[in-house]
Amino acid sequence: MRIVSCKLSDARLLFKIHQESVNNKYLNLSNQKHKFKVWEFWLKYKLLDSKSKIFIGKINNYKFGFVKFDHINKKNYEVSIGILSKNYNKGLGTKLLNLSIKKFTSTYRPKKIVCLILKSNKRSEKCFKNNNFILTKFKKKKHKTHNKPNLKKDNYFEYFKAEKN
């Protein structure tokens, strides 16, 4: 497996992953279904935004998922991940997230990486925990996110770099 930078030609892949996530209620935006043209416009914006980074996971020439880092403030970022549903429960998301964090941290040197996960999305929670994210009590004055958290539905996680022995 390897990761590559996202391109506009990856719009259909990201759109399909998003639609599957909405249909499976893995996102807090479960009532928002976008048209592809709106999605493509969003991706153009993200690719031009120097404060966002999207990696695509590939095995040979098969693209199966993405990891997106969005700038919050200062050196703080929020991360999200998505993979095609036919690749669930194979460990691909965990490996994709691991490779993306390594590449992102070596390039951008973030101070903090956070994520919001629906409490009902146990598969994503496991993926993030396997990558050294710790469930943290969200405090409005201390913690910031790119997306507005719904504290009844979302869990807030922070990344802690693994210690080398």
Protein backbone atom coordinates (compact mmCIF):
# COMPACT_ATOMS: atom_id res chain seq x y z
CA MET A 1 0.00 0.00 0.00
CA ARG A 2 1.08 3.55 -0.66
CA ILE A 3 -0.38 7.01 -0.42
CA VAL A 4 -0.45 9.72 -3.06
CA SER A 5 -1.66 13.30 -3.07
CA CYS A 6 -5.26 13.75 -4.11
CA LYS A 7 -5.98 15.14 -7.59
CA LEU A 8 -9.16 16.50 -9.14
CA SER A 9 -9.47 13.22 -11.06
CA ASP A 10 -10.11 11.54 -7.65
CA ALA A 11 -13.37 13.46 -7.23
CA ARG A 12 -15.59 10.47 -8.17
CA LEU A 13 -13.83 8.24 -5.61
CA LEU A 14 -14.27 10.79 -2.81
CA PHE A 15 -17.88 11.44 -3.87
CA LYS A 16 -18.70 7.71 -3.80
CA ILE A 17 -17.10 7.28 -0.36
CA HIS A 18 -19.02 10.30 0.96
CA GLN A 19 -22.33 9.01 -0.42
CA GLU A 20 -21.75 5.56 1.14
CA SER A 21 -20.91 7.19 4.49
CA VAL A 22 -24.08 9.31 4.38
CA ASN A 23 -26.22 6.28 3.46
CA ASN A 24 -24.69 4.22 6.30
CA LYS A 25 -25.14 7.15 8.75
CA TYR A 26 -21.41 7.32 9.59
CA LEU A 27 -21.46 11.10 9.25
CA ASN A 28 -23.22 13.72 11.32
CA LEU A 29 -24.43 15.23 8.02
CA SER A 30 -26.65 12.25 7.24
CA ASN A 31 -29.36 14.38 5.65
CA GLN A 32 -26.98 16.12 3.22
CA LYS A 33 -26.76 14.52 -0.20
CA HIS A 34 -24.70 16.53 -2.65
CA LYS A 35 -24.73 16.57 -6.40
CA PHE A 36 -21.43 15.61 -8.04
CA LYS A 37 -20.87 19.10 -9.49
CA VAL A 38 -21.08 20.63 -5.99
CA TRP A 39 -18.70 17.97 -4.72
CA GLU A 40 -16.24 18.62 -7.57
CA PHE A 41 -16.32 22.36 -6.81
CA TRP A 42 -15.61 21.61 -3.12
CA LEU A 43 -12.65 19.40 -4.06
CA LYS A 44 -11.19 22.08 -6.36
CA TYR A 45 -11.31 24.49 -3.42
CA LYS A 46 -9.68 21.97 -1.05
CA LEU A 47 -6.90 21.20 -3.52
CA LEU A 48 -6.11 24.90 -3.89
CA ASP A 49 -6.21 25.49 -0.13
CA SER A 50 -2.63 25.32 1.17
CA LYS A 51 -3.97 24.59 4.68
CA SER A 52 -5.68 21.34 3.66
CA LYS A 53 -4.09 18.09 2.55
CA ILE A 54 -5.79 15.00 1.14
CA PHE A 55 -4.02 11.68 0.64
CA ILE A 56 -5.39 8.79 -1.43
CA GLY A 57 -4.71 5.17 -0.50
CA LYS A 58 -3.62 2.88 -3.34
CA ILE A 59 -2.82 -0.79 -3.71
CA ASN A 60 -1.19 -1.21 -7.12
CA ASN A 61 -3.51 0.98 -9.26
CA TYR A 62 -6.60 0.42 -7.10
CA LYS A 63 -7.66 3.51 -5.13
CA PHE A 64 -9.77 2.64 -2.08
CA GLY A 65 -9.86 5.57 0.34
CA PHE A 66 -8.67 8.95 1.54
CA VAL A 67 -7.37 10.79 4.59
CA LYS A 68 -8.03 14.54 4.82
CA PHE A 69 -6.29 17.04 7.11
CA ASP A 70 -8.00 20.41 7.62
CA HIS A 71 -6.31 23.35 9.28
CA ILE A 72 -8.10 24.57 12.43
CA ASN A 73 -5.79 27.30 13.75
CA LYS A 74 -2.09 27.86 14.37
CA LYS A 75 -0.49 24.40 13.98
CA ASN A 76 -3.66 22.43 14.81
CA TYR A 77 -5.44 20.15 12.33
CA GLU A 78 -8.54 17.99 12.17
CA VAL A 79 -8.31 14.65 10.35
CA SER A 80 -10.98 12.54 8.71
CA ILE A 81 -10.86 9.27 6.82
CA GLY A 82 -13.08 7.39 4.40
CA ILE A 83 -12.78 4.14 2.50
CA LEU A 84 -15.04 2.33 0.06
CA SER A 85 -17.46 0.09 1.95
CA LYS A 86 -16.33 -3.06 0.12
CA ASN A 87 -12.95 -2.59 1.86
CA TYR A 88 -14.30 -2.39 5.42
CA ASN A 89 -12.87 -4.68 8.10
CA LYS A 90 -9.63 -5.45 6.24
CA GLY A 91 -7.32 -3.12 8.18
CA LEU A 92 -6.85 -0.85 5.16
CA GLY A 93 -8.21 2.23 6.94
CA THR A 94 -5.88 1.74 9.90
CA LYS A 95 -2.84 1.37 7.64
CA LEU A 96 -3.93 4.29 5.42
CA LEU A 97 -4.34 6.55 8.45
CA ASN A 98 -0.96 5.47 9.83
CA LEU A 99 0.91 6.20 6.58
CA SER A 100 -0.91 9.52 6.14
CA ILE A 101 -0.12 10.71 9.67
CA LYS A 102 3.56 9.84 9.21
CA LYS A 103 3.79 11.75 5.94
CA PHE A 104 1.70 14.69 7.15
CA THR A 105 3.58 15.14 10.44
CA SER A 106 6.98 14.98 8.74
CA THR A 107 5.97 17.70 6.26
CA TYR A 108 3.68 20.01 8.24
CA ARG A 109 4.92 19.51 11.83
CA PRO A 110 1.48 19.97 13.45
CA LYS A 111 1.19 20.78 17.13
CA LYS A 112 -2.05 18.85 17.48
CA ILE A 113 -4.22 16.55 15.34
CA VAL A 114 -7.81 15.95 16.42
CA CYS A 115 -10.87 14.19 15.07
CA LEU A 116 -14.59 13.95 15.72
CA ILE A 117 -16.22 10.53 15.40
CA LEU A 118 -19.87 9.66 15.78
CA LYS A 119 -20.29 7.63 18.95
CA SER A 120 -22.12 4.98 16.91
CA ASN A 121 -19.20 4.60 14.44
CA LYS A 122 -17.23 1.97 16.34
CA ARG A 123 -15.16 0.91 13.29
CA SER A 124 -13.73 4.43 12.85
CA GLU A 125 -13.17 4.72 16.58
CA LYS A 126 -11.12 1.50 16.56
CA CYS A 127 -9.10 2.72 13.54
CA PHE A 128 -8.19 5.97 15.29
CA LYS A 129 -7.43 4.29 18.62
CA ASN A 130 -5.09 1.89 16.78
CA ASN A 131 -3.25 5.00 15.54
CA ASN A 132 -2.64 6.55 18.99
CA PHE A 133 -5.71 8.77 19.19
CA ILE A 134 -7.04 9.14 22.72
CA LEU A 135 -10.68 9.85 23.60
CA THR A 136 -10.63 13.24 25.32
CA LYS A 137 -13.36 15.17 27.09
CA PHE A 138 -14.18 18.13 24.84
CA LYS A 139 -13.95 21.54 26.51
CA LYS A 140 -15.31 24.42 24.42
CA LYS A 141 -12.81 26.97 25.74
CA LYS A 142 -9.78 24.71 25.32
CA HIS A 143 -10.46 22.56 22.25
CA LYS A 144 -11.08 23.67 18.70
CA THR A 145 -12.32 21.74 15.69
CA HIS A 146 -12.93 22.54 12.05
CA ASN A 147 -16.42 21.06 12.30
CA LYS A 148 -18.81 22.03 15.07
CA PRO A 149 -19.09 19.10 17.49
CA ASN A 150 -22.42 17.71 18.65
CA LEU A 151 -21.36 16.51 22.09
CA LYS A 152 -24.36 14.19 22.38
CA LYS A 153 -23.45 12.35 19.18
CA ASP A 154 -19.70 12.92 18.68
CA ASN A 155 -16.59 11.75 20.48
CA TYR A 156 -13.51 13.99 20.41
CA PHE A 157 -10.09 12.35 19.98
CA GLU A 158 -6.56 13.77 20.05
CA TYR A 159 -3.48 12.23 18.49
CA PHE A 160 -0.49 11.40 20.66
CA LYS A 161 2.73 10.45 18.93
CA ALA A 162 3.80 6.94 19.81
CA GLU A 163 6.90 6.76 21.99
CA LYS A 164 9.86 4.90 20.51
CA ASN A 165 11.53 2.36 22.79
